[in-house]
PDB file of N, CA and C in Angstrom:
ATOM      1  N   MET A   1       2.448 -20.336 -14.877  1.00  0.00           N
ATOM      2  CA  MET A   1       3.268 -19.571 -16.006  1.00  0.00           C
ATOM      3  C   MET A   1       4.259 -20.403 -16.202  1.00  0.00           C
ATOM      4  N   ASP A   2       4.755 -20.157 -17.207  1.00  0.00           N
ATOM      5  CA  ASP A   2       6.075 -21.100 -17.498  1.00  0.00           C
ATOM      6  C   ASP A   2       6.769 -20.543 -18.052  1.00  0.00           C
ATOM      7  N   PHE A   3       8.177 -20.317 -16.791  1.00  0.00           N
ATOM      8  CA  PHE A   3       8.721 -19.349 -16.939  1.00  0.00           C
ATOM      9  C   PHE A   3       9.955 -20.356 -16.759  1.00  0.00           C
ATOM     10  N   LYS A   4      10.993 -19.876 -18.292  1.00  0.00           N
ATOM     11  CA  LYS A   4      11.800 -20.645 -18.519  1.00  0.00           C
ATOM     12  C   LYS A   4      13.674 -19.893 -18.402  1.00  0.00           C
ATOM     13  N   THR A   5      14.765 -20.438 -17.591  1.00  0.00           N
ATOM     14  CA  THR A   5      15.788 -19.874 -16.888  1.00  0.00           C
ATOM     15  C   THR A   5      16.667 -20.763 -17.611  1.00  0.00           C
ATOM     16  N   ASP A   6      17.533 -19.862 -17.443  1.00  0.00           N
ATOM     17  CA  ASP A   6      19.167 -20.480 -17.431  1.00  0.00           C
ATOM     18  C   ASP A   6      20.646 -20.176 -16.910  1.00  0.00           C
ATOM     19  N   GLY A   7      19.815 -19.442 -15.376  1.00  0.00           N
ATOM     20  CA  GLY A   7      20.739 -19.489 -13.865  1.00  0.00           C
ATOM     21  C   GLY A   7      20.914 -17.791 -14.111  1.00  0.00           C
ATOM     22  N   THR A   8      21.200 -17.406 -14.936  1.00  0.00           N
ATOM     23  CA  THR A   8      21.435 -15.951 -14.954  1.00  0.00           C
ATOM     24  C   THR A   8      20.235 -14.926 -15.758  1.00  0.00           C
ATOM     25  N   LYS A   9      18.539 -15.144 -16.143  1.00  0.00           N
ATOM     26  CA  LYS A   9      18.139 -14.667 -16.711  1.00  0.00           C
ATOM     27  C   LYS A   9      16.767 -15.596 -16.787  1.00  0.00           C
ATOM     28  N   THR A  10      15.706 -15.607 -16.828  1.00  0.00           N
ATOM     29  CA  THR A  10      14.548 -16.378 -16.332  1.00  0.00           C
ATOM     30  C   THR A  10      13.525 -14.851 -17.266  1.00  0.00           C
ATOM     31  N   TRP A  11      12.889 -15.806 -18.145  1.00  0.00           N
ATOM     32  CA  TRP A  11      11.961 -15.035 -19.233  1.00  0.00           C
ATOM     33  C   TRP A  11      10.603 -15.691 -19.402  1.00  0.00           C
ATOM     34  N   LEU A  12       9.795 -15.002 -19.911  1.00  0.00           N
ATOM     35  CA  LEU A  12       8.376 -16.172 -20.723  1.00  0.00           C
ATOM     36  C   LEU A  12       8.588 -15.596 -21.842  1.00  0.00           C
ATOM     37  N   GLU A  13       7.725 -16.420 -22.772  1.00  0.00           N
ATOM     38  CA  GLU A  13       7.568 -16.198 -23.996  1.00  0.00           C
ATOM     39  C   GLU A  13       6.462 -16.626 -24.085  1.00  0.00           C
ATOM     40  N   ASP A  14       5.734 -15.988 -25.422  1.00  0.00           N
ATOM     41  CA  ASP A  14       3.998 -16.101 -25.763  1.00  0.00           C
ATOM     42  C   ASP A  14       4.396 -17.217 -27.106  1.00  0.00           C
ATOM     43  N   GLU A  15       3.172 -17.599 -27.391  1.00  0.00           N
ATOM     44  CA  GLU A  15       3.053 -19.008 -28.035  1.00  0.00           C
ATOM     45  C   GLU A  15       3.849 -18.692 -29.388  1.00  0.00           C
ATOM     46  N   ASN A  16       4.603 -17.956 -29.684  1.00  0.00           N
ATOM     47  CA  ASN A  16       5.237 -17.765 -30.364  1.00  0.00           C
ATOM     48  C   ASN A  16       6.598 -18.349 -30.474  1.00  0.00           C
ATOM     49  N   GLY A  17       6.948 -17.994 -29.736  1.00  0.00           N
ATOM     50  CA  GLY A  17       8.344 -17.731 -29.061  1.00  0.00           C
ATOM     51  C   GLY A  17       9.044 -17.278 -29.044  1.00  0.00           C
ATOM     52  N   ARG A  18       8.334 -15.647 -28.755  1.00  0.00           N
ATOM     53  CA  ARG A  18       8.900 -14.352 -28.659  1.00  0.00           C
ATOM     54  C   ARG A  18       8.868 -14.096 -27.280  1.00  0.00           C
ATOM     55  N   GLN A  19       9.966 -13.612 -26.563  1.00  0.00           N
ATOM     56  CA  GLN A  19      10.079 -13.088 -25.264  1.00  0.00           C
ATOM     57  C   GLN A  19       9.213 -11.794 -25.064  1.00  0.00           C
ATOM     58  N   ILE A  20       8.765 -12.373 -24.064  1.00  0.00           N
ATOM     59  CA  ILE A  20       7.437 -10.981 -23.770  1.00  0.00           C
ATOM     60  C   ILE A  20       7.568 -10.408 -22.005  1.00  0.00           C
ATOM     61  N   ALA A  21       8.783 -11.471 -21.263  1.00  0.00           N
ATOM     62  CA  ALA A  21       8.502 -10.521 -19.989  1.00  0.00           C
ATOM     63  C   ALA A  21      10.574 -11.810 -20.107  1.00  0.00           C
ATOM     64  N   VAL A  22      10.903 -10.428 -18.894  1.00  0.00           N
ATOM     65  CA  VAL A  22      12.370 -11.110 -18.470  1.00  0.00           C
ATOM     66  C   VAL A  22      13.052 -10.119 -17.342  1.00  0.00           C
ATOM     67  N   LEU A  23      13.876 -10.821 -16.677  1.00  0.00           N
ATOM     68  CA  LEU A  23      14.528 -10.532 -15.905  1.00  0.00           C
ATOM     69  C   LEU A  23      15.531 -11.219 -15.862  1.00  0.00           C
ATOM     70  N   ASP A  24      16.868 -10.304 -16.321  1.00  0.00           N
ATOM     71  CA  ASP A  24      18.409 -10.619 -16.316  1.00  0.00           C
ATOM     72  C   ASP A  24      19.308 -10.243 -14.564  1.00  0.00           C
ATOM     73  N   TYR A  25      20.203 -11.374 -14.595  1.00  0.00           N
ATOM     74  CA  TYR A  25      20.344 -11.303 -13.070  1.00  0.00           C
ATOM     75  C   TYR A  25      21.954 -11.850 -13.240  1.00  0.00           C
ATOM     76  N   PRO A  26      22.945 -10.967 -14.171  1.00  0.00           N
ATOM     77  CA  PRO A  26      24.150 -12.070 -13.959  1.00  0.00           C
ATOM     78  C   PRO A  26      25.115 -11.784 -12.810  1.00  0.00           C
ATOM     79  N   GLU A  27      25.309 -13.403 -12.366  1.00  0.00           N
ATOM     80  CA  GLU A  27      26.782 -13.601 -11.683  1.00  0.00           C
ATOM     81  C   GLU A  27      27.500 -12.671 -10.964  1.00  0.00           C
ATOM     82  N   ILE A  28      27.445 -11.461 -10.018  1.00  0.00           N
ATOM     83  CA  ILE A  28      28.924 -10.946 -10.079  1.00  0.00           C
ATOM     84  C   ILE A  28      29.839 -11.167  -9.193  1.00  0.00           C
ATOM     85  N   ARG A  29      29.582 -11.895  -8.523  1.00  0.00           N
ATOM     86  CA  ARG A  29      30.725 -13.023  -7.817  1.00  0.00           C
ATOM     87  C   ARG A  29      30.022 -14.072  -7.155  1.00  0.00           C
ATOM     88  N   PRO A  30      30.844 -15.464  -6.778  1.00  0.00           N
ATOM     89  CA  PRO A  30      30.459 -16.098  -6.772  1.00  0.00           C
ATOM     90  C   PRO A  30      29.630 -16.405  -5.111  1.00  0.00           C
ATOM     91  N   GLY A  31      28.388 -16.970  -6.033  1.00  0.00           N
ATOM     92  CA  GLY A  31      26.754 -17.345  -5.383  1.00  0.00           C
ATOM     93  C   GLY A  31      25.884 -15.750  -5.229  1.00  0.00           C
ATOM     94  N   VAL A  32      26.700 -14.429  -5.451  1.00  0.00           N
ATOM     95  CA  VAL A  32      25.341 -13.423  -5.354  1.00  0.00           C
ATOM     96  C   VAL A  32      25.249 -12.944  -7.037  1.00  0.00           C
ATOM     97  N   VAL A  33      24.032 -12.843  -7.733  1.00  0.00           N
ATOM     98  CA  VAL A  33      23.570 -12.447  -8.815  1.00  0.00           C
ATOM     99  C   VAL A  33      23.582 -10.853  -8.227  1.00  0.00           C
ATOM    100  N   ASN A  34      22.832  -9.840  -9.156  1.00  0.00           N
ATOM    101  CA  ASN A  34      22.903  -8.470  -9.432  1.00  0.00           C
ATOM    102  C   ASN A  34      21.411  -8.603 -10.578  1.00  0.00           C
ATOM    103  N   LEU A  35      20.527  -8.718  -9.829  1.00  0.00           N
ATOM    104  CA  LEU A  35      18.985  -8.677 -10.422  1.00  0.00           C
ATOM    105  C   LEU A  35      19.147  -6.936 -11.014  1.00  0.00           C
ATOM    106  N   VAL A  36      19.730  -6.809 -12.434  1.00  0.00           N
ATOM    107  CA  VAL A  36      19.653  -5.831 -13.269  1.00  0.00           C
ATOM    108  C   VAL A  36      18.821  -5.014 -14.001  1.00  0.00           C
ATOM    109  N   HIS A  37      17.688  -5.676 -14.539  1.00  0.00           N
ATOM    110  CA  HIS A  37      17.119  -5.324 -15.330  1.00  0.00           C
ATOM    111  C   HIS A  37      15.538  -6.426 -15.763  1.00  0.00           C
ATOM    112  N   THR A  38      14.769  -5.903 -15.289  1.00  0.00           N
ATOM    113  CA  THR A  38      13.199  -6.518 -15.239  1.00  0.00           C
ATOM    114  C   THR A  38      12.796  -6.083 -16.233  1.00  0.00           C
ATOM    115  N   GLU A  39      11.775  -6.292 -17.712  1.00  0.00           N
ATOM    116  CA  GLU A  39      11.353  -5.898 -18.406  1.00  0.00           C
ATOM    117  C   GLU A  39      10.186  -6.686 -18.846  1.00  0.00           C
ATOM    118  N   VAL A  40       8.428  -6.367 -19.257  1.00  0.00           N
ATOM    119  CA  VAL A  40       7.575  -6.768 -19.631  1.00  0.00           C
ATOM    120  C   VAL A  40       7.077  -6.065 -20.973  1.00  0.00           C
ATOM    121  N   ASP A  41       6.393  -6.823 -21.790  1.00  0.00           N
ATOM    122  CA  ASP A  41       5.674  -6.148 -22.741  1.00  0.00           C
ATOM    123  C   ASP A  41       4.544  -5.622 -22.358  1.00  0.00           C
ATOM    124  N   GLY A  42       4.216  -4.316 -23.060  1.00  0.00           N
ATOM    125  CA  GLY A  42       3.110  -3.926 -22.600  1.00  0.00           C
ATOM    126  C   GLY A  42       0.902  -4.632 -22.756  1.00  0.00           C
ATOM    127  N   SER A  43       1.258  -5.294 -23.785  1.00  0.00           N
ATOM    128  CA  SER A  43       0.240  -6.053 -23.705  1.00  0.00           C
ATOM    129  C   SER A  43      -0.052  -7.308 -22.515  1.00  0.00           C
ATOM    130  N   LEU A  44       1.043  -7.540 -21.982  1.00  0.00           N
ATOM    131  CA  LEU A  44       0.675  -7.698 -20.313  1.00  0.00           C
ATOM    132  C   LEU A  44       0.669  -7.338 -19.571  1.00  0.00           C
ATOM    133  N   LYS A  45       0.258  -5.629 -19.374  1.00  0.00           N
ATOM    134  CA  LYS A  45       0.151  -4.932 -18.350  1.00  0.00           C
ATOM    135  C   LYS A  45      -0.759  -4.924 -17.634  1.00  0.00           C
ATOM    136  N   GLY A  46      -0.857  -4.566 -16.301  1.00  0.00           N
ATOM    137  CA  GLY A  46      -2.033  -5.645 -15.349  1.00  0.00           C
ATOM    138  C   GLY A  46      -2.228  -6.058 -14.944  1.00  0.00           C
ATOM    139  N   GLN A  47      -1.226  -7.675 -15.549  1.00  0.00           N
ATOM    140  CA  GLN A  47      -1.394  -8.809 -14.856  1.00  0.00           C
ATOM    141  C   GLN A  47      -0.346  -9.156 -13.666  1.00  0.00           C
ATOM    142  N   GLY A  48       0.553  -8.327 -13.435  1.00  0.00           N
ATOM    143  CA  GLY A  48       1.239  -8.871 -12.072  1.00  0.00           C
ATOM    144  C   GLY A  48       2.069  -9.825 -12.623  1.00  0.00           C
ATOM    145  N   ILE A  49       2.770  -9.460 -14.142  1.00  0.00           N
ATOM    146  CA  ILE A  49       3.438 -10.589 -14.724  1.00  0.00           C
ATOM    147  C   ILE A  49       5.212  -9.944 -13.525  1.00  0.00           C
ATOM    148  N   ALA A  50       5.863  -8.772 -13.929  1.00  0.00           N
ATOM    149  CA  ALA A  50       6.748  -8.244 -13.134  1.00  0.00           C
ATOM    150  C   ALA A  50       6.825  -9.032 -11.701  1.00  0.00           C
ATOM    151  N   GLY A  51       6.008  -8.678 -11.019  1.00  0.00           N
ATOM    152  CA  GLY A  51       5.558  -9.692  -9.663  1.00  0.00           C
ATOM    153  C   GLY A  51       6.205 -10.783  -9.444  1.00  0.00           C
ATOM    154  N   LYS A  52       5.489 -11.999 -10.382  1.00  0.00           N
ATOM    155  CA  LYS A  52       5.224 -12.915 -10.575  1.00  0.00           C
ATOM    156  C   LYS A  52       6.687 -13.299 -11.399  1.00  0.00           C
ATOM    157  N   ILE A  53       7.657 -12.908 -12.142  1.00  0.00           N
ATOM    158  CA  ILE A  53       8.920 -13.280 -12.482  1.00  0.00           C
ATOM    159  C   ILE A  53       9.738 -13.257 -11.503  1.00  0.00           C
ATOM    160  N   THR A  54      10.136 -11.684 -10.743  1.00  0.00           N
ATOM    161  CA  THR A  54      10.729 -11.568  -9.412  1.00  0.00           C
ATOM    162  C   THR A  54      10.383 -12.462  -8.404  1.00  0.00           C
ATOM    163  N   GLN A  55       9.115 -13.100  -7.876  1.00  0.00           N
ATOM    164  CA  GLN A  55       9.013 -13.630  -7.299  1.00  0.00           C
ATOM    165  C   GLN A  55       9.812 -15.429  -7.388  1.00  0.00           C
ATOM    166  N   PHE A  56       9.869 -16.048  -8.823  1.00  0.00           N
ATOM    167  CA  PHE A  56       9.952 -16.897  -8.983  1.00  0.00           C
ATOM    168  C   PHE A  56      11.437 -16.781  -8.877  1.00  0.00           C
ATOM    169  N   VAL A  57      11.993 -15.852  -9.595  1.00  0.00           N
ATOM    170  CA  VAL A  57      13.642 -15.847  -9.335  1.00  0.00           C
ATOM    171  C   VAL A  57      14.006 -15.760  -8.390  1.00  0.00           C
ATOM    172  N   ALA A  58      13.340 -14.880  -7.172  1.00  0.00           N
ATOM    173  CA  ALA A  58      13.615 -14.615  -5.383  1.00  0.00           C
ATOM    174  C   ALA A  58      13.629 -16.641  -4.912  1.00  0.00           C
ATOM    175  N   ASP A  59      12.984 -17.093  -5.667  1.00  0.00           N
ATOM    176  CA  ASP A  59      12.418 -18.263  -5.617  1.00  0.00           C
ATOM    177  C   ASP A  59      13.576 -19.382  -5.543  1.00  0.00           C
ATOM    178  N   GLN A  60      13.924 -19.390  -6.925  1.00  0.00           N
ATOM    179  CA  GLN A  60      14.921 -19.782  -7.368  1.00  0.00           C
ATOM    180  C   GLN A  60      16.281 -19.579  -6.449  1.00  0.00           C
ATOM    181  N   LEU A  61      16.554 -18.402  -6.179  1.00  0.00           N
ATOM    182  CA  LEU A  61      17.739 -17.913  -5.865  1.00  0.00           C
ATOM    183  C   LEU A  61      17.601 -18.835  -4.224  1.00  0.00           C
ATOM    184  N   ARG A  62      16.542 -18.541  -3.775  1.00  0.00           N
ATOM    185  CA  ARG A  62      16.766 -19.269  -1.959  1.00  0.00           C
ATOM    186  C   ARG A  62      16.906 -21.032  -2.147  1.00  0.00           C
ATOM    187  N   GLU A  63      16.641 -21.373  -2.821  1.00  0.00           N
ATOM    188  CA  GLU A  63      16.596 -22.766  -3.420  1.00  0.00           C
ATOM    189  C   GLU A  63      17.631 -23.477  -3.539  1.00  0.00           C
ATOM    190  N   ASP A  64      18.619 -22.346  -4.542  1.00  0.00           N
ATOM    191  CA  ASP A  64      20.077 -22.579  -4.978  1.00  0.00           C
ATOM    192  C   ASP A  64      20.944 -21.801  -4.034  1.00  0.00           C
ATOM    193  N   GLY A  65      20.380 -21.595  -2.604  1.00  0.00           N
ATOM    194  CA  GLY A  65      21.186 -20.671  -2.353  1.00  0.00           C
ATOM    195  C   GLY A  65      22.458 -19.664  -2.213  1.00  0.00           C
ATOM    196  N   ARG A  66      21.772 -19.065  -3.150  1.00  0.00           N
ATOM    197  CA  ARG A  66      22.429 -18.061  -3.863  1.00  0.00           C
ATOM    198  C   ARG A  66      21.623 -16.218  -3.059  1.00  0.00           C
ATOM    199  N   LYS A  67      22.347 -15.480  -3.291  1.00  0.00           N
ATOM    200  CA  LYS A  67      22.058 -14.411  -3.237  1.00  0.00           C
ATOM    201  C   LYS A  67      22.122 -12.909  -4.015  1.00  0.00           C
ATOM    202  N   ALA A  68      21.643 -12.205  -3.308  1.00  0.00           N
ATOM    203  CA  ALA A  68      20.822 -10.849  -4.519  1.00  0.00           C
ATOM    204  C   ALA A  68      21.286  -9.553  -3.979  1.00  0.00           C
ATOM    205  N   GLU A  69      21.838  -8.955  -5.270  1.00  0.00           N
ATOM    206  CA  GLU A  69      21.664  -7.537  -5.317  1.00  0.00           C
ATOM    207  C   GLU A  69      21.322  -7.345  -6.185  1.00  0.00           C
ATOM    208  N   LEU A  70      20.402  -5.955  -5.869  1.00  0.00           N
ATOM    209  CA  LEU A  70      19.303  -5.446  -6.717  1.00  0.00           C
ATOM    210  C   LEU A  70      20.131  -4.029  -7.542  1.00  0.00           C
ATOM    211  N   THR A  71      20.270  -3.918  -8.904  1.00  0.00           N
ATOM    212  CA  THR A  71      20.294  -2.212  -9.457  1.00  0.00           C
ATOM    213  C   THR A  71      18.643  -2.139 -10.055  1.00  0.00           C
ATOM    214  N   CYS A  72      18.482  -2.552 -10.521  1.00  0.00           N
ATOM    215  CA  CYS A  72      16.828  -3.180 -11.069  1.00  0.00           C
ATOM    216  C   CYS A  72      15.757  -1.983 -10.391  1.00  0.00           C
ATOM    217  N   SER A  73      15.340  -0.800 -10.721  1.00  0.00           N
ATOM    218  CA  SER A  73      14.476   0.214  -9.568  1.00  0.00           C
ATOM    219  C   SER A  73      13.073  -0.481  -9.101  1.00  0.00           C
ATOM    220  N   TYR A  74      12.452  -2.259 -10.235  1.00  0.00           N
ATOM    221  CA  TYR A  74      11.423  -2.775  -9.598  1.00  0.00           C
ATOM    222  C   TYR A  74      12.125  -3.881  -8.890  1.00  0.00           C
ATOM    223  N   SER A  75      13.118  -4.147  -9.021  1.00  0.00           N
ATOM    224  CA  SER A  75      13.449  -5.379  -8.571  1.00  0.00           C
ATOM    225  C   SER A  75      13.942  -4.591  -6.715  1.00  0.00           C
ATOM    226  N   VAL A  76      14.426  -3.424  -6.392  1.00  0.00           N
ATOM    227  CA  VAL A  76      14.071  -2.396  -5.650  1.00  0.00           C
ATOM    228  C   VAL A  76      12.993  -2.379  -4.731  1.00  0.00           C
ATOM    229  N   ARG A  77      11.815  -2.123  -5.456  1.00  0.00           N
ATOM    230  CA  ARG A  77      10.600  -1.940  -5.149  1.00  0.00           C
ATOM    231  C   ARG A  77      10.214  -2.925  -4.537  1.00  0.00           C
ATOM    232  N   TRP A  78      10.788  -4.165  -5.005  1.00  0.00           N
ATOM    233  CA  TRP A  78       9.192  -5.597  -4.643  1.00  0.00           C
ATOM    234  C   TRP A  78      10.090  -6.160  -3.682  1.00  0.00           C
ATOM    235  N   PHE A  79      11.549  -6.206  -2.997  1.00  0.00           N
ATOM    236  CA  PHE A  79      11.907  -6.754  -2.082  1.00  0.00           C
ATOM    237  C   PHE A  79      11.438  -5.841  -0.991  1.00  0.00           C
ATOM    238  N   SER A  80      11.645  -4.476  -1.210  1.00  0.00           N
ATOM    239  CA  SER A  80      10.805  -3.527  -0.155  1.00  0.00           C
ATOM    240  C   SER A  80       9.520  -3.854   0.534  1.00  0.00           C
ATOM    241  N   LYS A  81       8.913  -4.554  -1.197  1.00  0.00           N
ATOM    242  CA  LYS A  81       7.087  -4.815  -0.137  1.00  0.00           C
ATOM    243  C   LYS A  81       7.225  -6.061  -0.175  1.00  0.00           C
ATOM    244  N   HIS A  82       8.665  -6.926   0.013  1.00  0.00           N
ATOM    245  CA  HIS A  82       8.046  -8.372   0.297  1.00  0.00           C
ATOM    246  C   HIS A  82       9.682  -8.761   1.081  1.00  0.00           C
ATOM    247  N   PRO A  83       9.171  -8.055   2.447  1.00  0.00           N
ATOM    248  CA  PRO A  83       9.972  -8.707   3.793  1.00  0.00           C
ATOM    249  C   PRO A  83      10.525  -9.988   4.208  1.00  0.00           C
ATOM    250  N   GLU A  84       9.804 -10.806   3.461  1.00  0.00           N
ATOM    251  CA  GLU A  84       9.756 -12.719   3.905  1.00  0.00           C
ATOM    252  C   GLU A  84      10.853 -13.021   3.079  1.00  0.00           C
ATOM    253  N   TYR A  85      11.283 -12.291   1.605  1.00  0.00           N
ATOM    254  CA  TYR A  85      12.451 -12.445   0.724  1.00  0.00           C
ATOM    255  C   TYR A  85      13.855 -12.204   1.447  1.00  0.00           C
ATOM    256  N   GLU A  86      14.003 -11.274   2.412  1.00  0.00           N
ATOM    257  CA  GLU A  86      15.131 -10.438   2.838  1.00  0.00           C
ATOM    258  C   GLU A  86      16.029 -11.376   2.758  1.00  0.00           C
ATOM    259  N   ASP A  87      16.043 -12.868   3.324  1.00  0.00           N
ATOM    260  CA  ASP A  87      17.173 -13.853   3.284  1.00  0.00           C
ATOM    261  C   ASP A  87      17.280 -14.006   2.030  1.00  0.00           C
ATOM    262  N   VAL A  88      17.140 -13.573   0.860  1.00  0.00           N
ATOM    263  CA  VAL A  88      17.682 -14.026  -0.457  1.00  0.00           C
ATOM    264  C   VAL A  88      19.237 -12.558  -0.691  1.00  0.00           C
ATOM    265  N   LEU A  89      18.844 -11.311   0.234  1.00  0.00           N
ATOM    266  CA  LEU A  89      19.719  -9.996  -0.394  1.00  0.00           C
ATOM    267  C   LEU A  89      20.713 -10.280   0.569  1.00  0.00           C
ATOM    268  N   ALA A  90      21.820  -9.858  -0.631  1.00  0.00           N
ATOM    269  CA  ALA A  90      22.909  -9.845  -0.192  1.00  0.00           C
ATOM    270  C   ALA A  90      23.341  -9.159   1.513  1.00  0.00           C
ATOM    271  N   ASP A  91      23.000  -7.988   0.876  1.00  0.00           N
ATOM    272  CA  ASP A  91      22.803  -6.381   2.787  1.00  0.00           C
ATOM    273  C   ASP A  91      21.552  -6.401   2.244  1.00  0.00           C
ATOM    274  N   PRO A  92      20.467  -6.544   3.482  1.00  0.00           N
ATOM    275  CA  PRO A  92      19.251  -6.669   3.605  1.00  0.00           C
ATOM    276  C   PRO A  92      19.134  -4.996   3.908  1.00  0.00           C
ATOM    277  N   GLU A  93      19.948  -4.427   4.406  1.00  0.00           N
ATOM    278  CA  GLU A  93      20.156  -3.171   4.998  1.00  0.00           C
ATOM    279  C   GLU A  93      20.449  -2.148   3.853  1.00  0.00           C
ATOM    280  N   GLU A  94      21.367  -2.300   3.017  1.00  0.00           N
ATOM    281  CA  GLU A  94      21.839  -1.071   1.614  1.00  0.00           C
ATOM    282  C   GLU A  94      20.735  -1.453   0.903  1.00  0.00           C
ATOM    283  N   GLU A  95      20.172  -2.646   0.748  1.00  0.00           N
ATOM    284  CA  GLU A  95      18.907  -2.324  -0.630  1.00  0.00           C
ATOM    285  C   GLU A  95      17.659  -1.711   0.621  1.00  0.00           C
ATOM    286  N   ARG A  96      17.220  -2.035   1.675  1.00  0.00           N
ATOM    287  CA  ARG A  96      16.741  -0.709   2.227  1.00  0.00           C
ATOM    288  C   ARG A  96      16.739   0.423   1.729  1.00  0.00           C
ATOM    289  N   ARG A  97      18.214   0.747   2.512  1.00  0.00           N
ATOM    290  CA  ARG A  97      18.708   2.147   2.012  1.00  0.00           C
ATOM    291  C   ARG A  97      17.812   2.718   0.625  1.00  0.00           C
ATOM    292  N   LYS A  98      18.133   1.951  -0.355  1.00  0.00           N
ATOM    293  CA  LYS A  98      17.696   2.341  -1.800  1.00  0.00           C
ATOM    294  C   LYS A  98      16.794   1.847  -2.046  1.00  0.00           C
ATOM    295  N   ALA A  99      15.809   1.648  -1.616  1.00  0.00           N
ATOM    296  CA  ALA A  99      14.502   1.717  -1.451  1.00  0.00           C
ATOM    297  C   ALA A  99      13.605   2.883  -0.872  1.00  0.00           C
ATOM    298  N   ALA A 100      14.440   3.316   0.092  1.00  0.00           N
ATOM    299  CA  ALA A 100      13.722   4.637   0.724  1.00  0.00           C
ATOM    300  C   ALA A 100      14.492   5.481  -0.275  1.00  0.00           C
ATOM    301  N   GLU A 101      16.017   6.000  -1.242  1.00  0.00           N
ATOM    302  CA  GLU A 101      15.830   6.956  -1.860  1.00  0.00           C
ATOM    303  C   GLU A 101      15.119   6.761  -3.347  1.00  0.00           C
ATOM    304  N   LEU A 102      14.375   5.488  -3.642  1.00  0.00           N
ATOM    305  CA  LEU A 102      14.294   5.344  -4.737  1.00  0.00           C
ATOM    306  C   LEU A 102      12.423   6.268  -5.525  1.00  0.00           C
ATOM    307  N   ALA A 103      13.347   6.760  -6.495  1.00  0.00           N
ATOM    308  CA  ALA A 103      11.948   8.069  -6.898  1.00  0.00           C
ATOM    309  C   ALA A 103      11.897   7.833  -8.310  1.00  0.00           C
ATOM    310  N   GLY A 104      10.660   8.201  -9.101  1.00  0.00           N
ATOM    311  CA  GLY A 104      10.244   7.704 -10.204  1.00  0.00           C
ATOM    312  C   GLY A 104      10.009   6.186 -10.923  1.00  0.00           C
ATOM    313  N   PRO A 105       9.954   6.337 -12.142  1.00  0.00           N
ATOM    314  CA  PRO A 105       8.967   5.353 -12.384  1.00  0.00           C
ATOM    315  C   PRO A 105       9.772   4.091 -12.462  1.00  0.00           C
ATOM    316  N   ALA A 106       9.595   2.407 -12.623  1.00  0.00           N
ATOM    317  CA  ALA A 106      10.429   1.302 -12.595  1.00  0.00           C
ATOM    318  C   ALA A 106      10.841   1.240 -14.007  1.00  0.00           C
ATOM    319  N   CYS A 107      12.116   0.630 -14.161  1.00  0.00           N
ATOM    320  CA  CYS A 107      12.541   0.220 -15.114  1.00  0.00           C
ATOM    321  C   CYS A 107      11.930  -1.064 -15.935  1.00  0.00           C
ATOM    322  N   GLY A 108      12.041  -0.510 -17.456  1.00  0.00           N
ATOM    323  CA  GLY A 108      11.104  -1.693 -18.528  1.00  0.00           C
ATOM    324  C   GLY A 108      10.061  -2.237 -18.027  1.00  0.00           C
ATOM    325  N   ILE A 109       9.225  -2.135 -16.952  1.00  0.00           N
ATOM    326  CA  ILE A 109       7.736  -2.039 -17.401  1.00  0.00           C
ATOM    327  C   ILE A 109       7.313  -1.428 -18.680  1.00  0.00           C
ATOM    328  N   LYS A 110       6.933  -1.363 -19.667  1.00  0.00           N
ATOM    329  CA  LYS A 110       6.228  -0.785 -20.840  1.00  0.00           C
ATOM    330  C   LYS A 110       5.048  -0.448 -20.850  1.00  0.00           C
ATOM    331  N   GLY A 111       4.398   0.817 -20.870  1.00  0.00           N
ATOM    332  CA  GLY A 111       2.627   0.785 -21.066  1.00  0.00           C
ATOM    333  C   GLY A 111       2.237   0.371 -21.965  1.00  0.00           C
TER     334      GLY A 111
END
């Protein structure tokens, strides 16, 4: 996948340059970002794009030495299923608590 990134947002474009998947993660304090929103176009349903973009961002954060807090419900779920990325989280215990309390559909994953 040819993800594009500017350090606060990572996205995927179609052949016409239209953004078809995005993960927003603004910096909330030095060295810490908040994964706030994941959105994937319905045309990509069932391809695992949300997971791929989240893993790409997690790898980038790890490489940069940055940490993440999670507001996006999809990100909360993804990190709860990938404990090997716990080192990327600013507060792993808080993120486990969020995952345990989470109910309902993930944000921005369009059907």
